[in-house]
Structures are given as C-alpha cells and as structure tokens.
Protein backbone atom coordinates (compact mmCIF):
# COMPACT_ATOMS: atom_id res chain seq x y z
CA MET A 1 -0.02 0.05 0.09
CA THR A 2 1.27 3.48 -0.93
CA PRO A 3 2.01 5.96 1.96
CA PHE A 4 -0.60 8.66 2.49
CA VAL A 5 -0.64 12.01 4.20
CA ILE A 6 -4.05 13.51 5.36
CA TYR A 7 -4.55 16.94 6.66
CA ASP A 8 -7.40 17.12 9.46
CA ALA A 9 -8.48 20.59 9.44
CA VAL A 10 -10.82 20.06 12.46
CA SER A 11 -8.07 18.95 14.63
CA SER A 12 -5.28 20.66 12.89
CA VAL A 13 -3.26 17.40 12.54
CA ILE A 14 -1.30 16.22 9.44
CA TRP A 15 -1.50 12.31 9.70
CA PHE A 16 1.10 10.06 7.90
CA GLY A 17 0.58 6.35 7.34
CA GLY A 18 1.17 3.50 4.77
CA GLN A 19 0.94 0.27 6.35
CA GLY A 20 -2.88 -0.29 5.87
CA GLY A 21 -6.02 1.06 7.42
CA ASP A 22 -5.56 -0.91 10.77
CA ALA A 23 -1.95 0.05 11.21
CA ASN A 24 -0.40 2.43 13.80
CA GLY A 25 0.41 5.85 12.49
CA THR A 26 1.93 9.18 13.30
CA GLY A 27 0.89 12.83 12.81
CA ILE A 28 2.04 16.31 13.68
CA ASP A 29 -0.39 18.52 15.76
CA LEU A 30 0.04 22.02 13.92
CA SER A 31 -1.21 23.91 16.88
CA THR A 32 1.41 22.60 19.16
CA GLY A 33 4.23 21.22 16.88
CA LYS A 34 4.27 17.88 18.60
CA LEU A 35 4.07 14.44 17.30
CA VAL A 36 0.91 12.42 18.02
CA HIS A 37 0.48 8.57 17.56
CA TRP A 38 -2.56 6.56 16.86
CA GLU A 39 -3.09 2.75 17.72
CA GLY A 40 -4.90 1.89 14.52
CA TRP A 41 -8.10 0.01 14.27
CA GLY A 42 -8.33 -3.74 14.52
CA VAL A 43 -9.23 -5.41 11.35
CA ASP A 44 -12.55 -6.59 12.94
CA SER A 45 -13.54 -3.14 13.77
CA LEU A 46 -12.78 -1.99 10.21
CA PHE A 47 -14.76 -4.92 8.91
CA GLU A 48 -17.72 -4.10 11.04
CA LEU A 49 -17.68 -0.49 10.21
CA GLN A 50 -17.42 -1.29 6.30
CA THR A 51 -20.58 -3.60 6.69
CA ALA A 52 -22.48 -1.03 8.46
CA VAL A 53 -21.77 1.52 5.71
CA ALA A 54 -22.68 -0.80 3.06
CA ALA A 55 -25.85 -1.69 4.86
CA LEU A 56 -26.71 2.04 5.05
CA HIS A 57 -25.94 2.34 1.41
CA GLN A 58 -28.45 -0.35 0.68
CA VAL A 59 -31.15 1.17 3.09
CA THR A 60 -31.07 4.28 0.92
CA LYS A 61 -32.52 2.26 -1.93
CA MET A 62 -35.76 1.42 -0.08
CA ARG A 63 -38.99 3.01 -1.33
CA ASN A 64 -40.66 3.07 1.98
CA PRO A 65 -39.28 6.02 3.85
CA ALA A 66 -40.62 4.80 7.22
CA VAL A 67 -38.90 1.40 6.84
CA ALA A 68 -35.82 2.97 5.74
CA GLU A 69 -35.63 5.23 8.56
CA ARG A 70 -36.19 2.61 11.14
CA ALA A 71 -33.45 0.53 9.52
CA ALA A 72 -30.89 3.50 8.89
CA ARG A 73 -31.15 4.98 12.33
CA PRO A 74 -29.29 2.12 14.41
CA LEU A 75 -26.83 1.74 11.53
CA ALA A 76 -26.04 5.42 11.46
CA GLU A 77 -25.85 5.76 15.16
CA PHE A 78 -23.25 2.82 15.24
CA VAL A 79 -21.14 4.33 12.49
CA GLN A 80 -21.13 7.66 14.24
CA ALA A 81 -20.34 6.26 17.50
CA GLU A 82 -17.44 4.16 16.02
CA LEU A 83 -15.96 6.95 14.17
CA SER A 84 -16.20 9.46 17.01
CA ASN A 85 -14.49 6.87 19.39
CA GLN A 86 -11.66 6.10 16.86
CA PHE A 87 -10.95 9.88 16.23
CA ALA A 88 -11.13 10.62 19.87
CA GLN A 89 -8.57 8.07 20.60
CA GLN A 90 -6.45 9.36 17.83
CA ALA A 91 -6.65 12.98 19.19
CA SER A 92 -5.59 11.99 22.71
C-alpha cells in the first residue's frame, strides 16, 4: 500500500501512514508542533464499520421511507459512534 498524508482541518493534525487501514500511524499537531500517535483499528472493527456503511447504502434504496428510517437509524448511530470513538482515541 502506498503511503498517505491527510490534513485534518478539524483537529489541525497532519497524519502520516502507509501500512494499511488498521496500522499504527503518526501525525503532527500543527497547533503545538508535537508528534501524535494513533494505535490503529483492528481488522474486525474495520470490517464491522465497512459492513454498516454498506448496509446504510442499501437502505437508501428502499422505497418506503418509514422502513428506511427505522433501518438506518441504528446503523447510522453505530457508524457515528465508532468513528467518534476512533477519532477521539487518535486525538488523545
């Protein structure tokens, strides 16, 4: 996998990586100039997140909006919680 560089404007961090989506990584906090480290996601967490996003994509194709909303709400909450948790861990 080729290396990547991501600028996160919300937390003012430049992230560096290149060993895969579940690998450890390093970033530079632009507000403090300090190096920050993240542990990376486990493969199981990434697979669950990918499955939930794919399921959300399929739910958007449903014609009945009431059913789509009931199916989408818990999936969206899971995706949001998982991403928020992961980014919170990376920022600390």
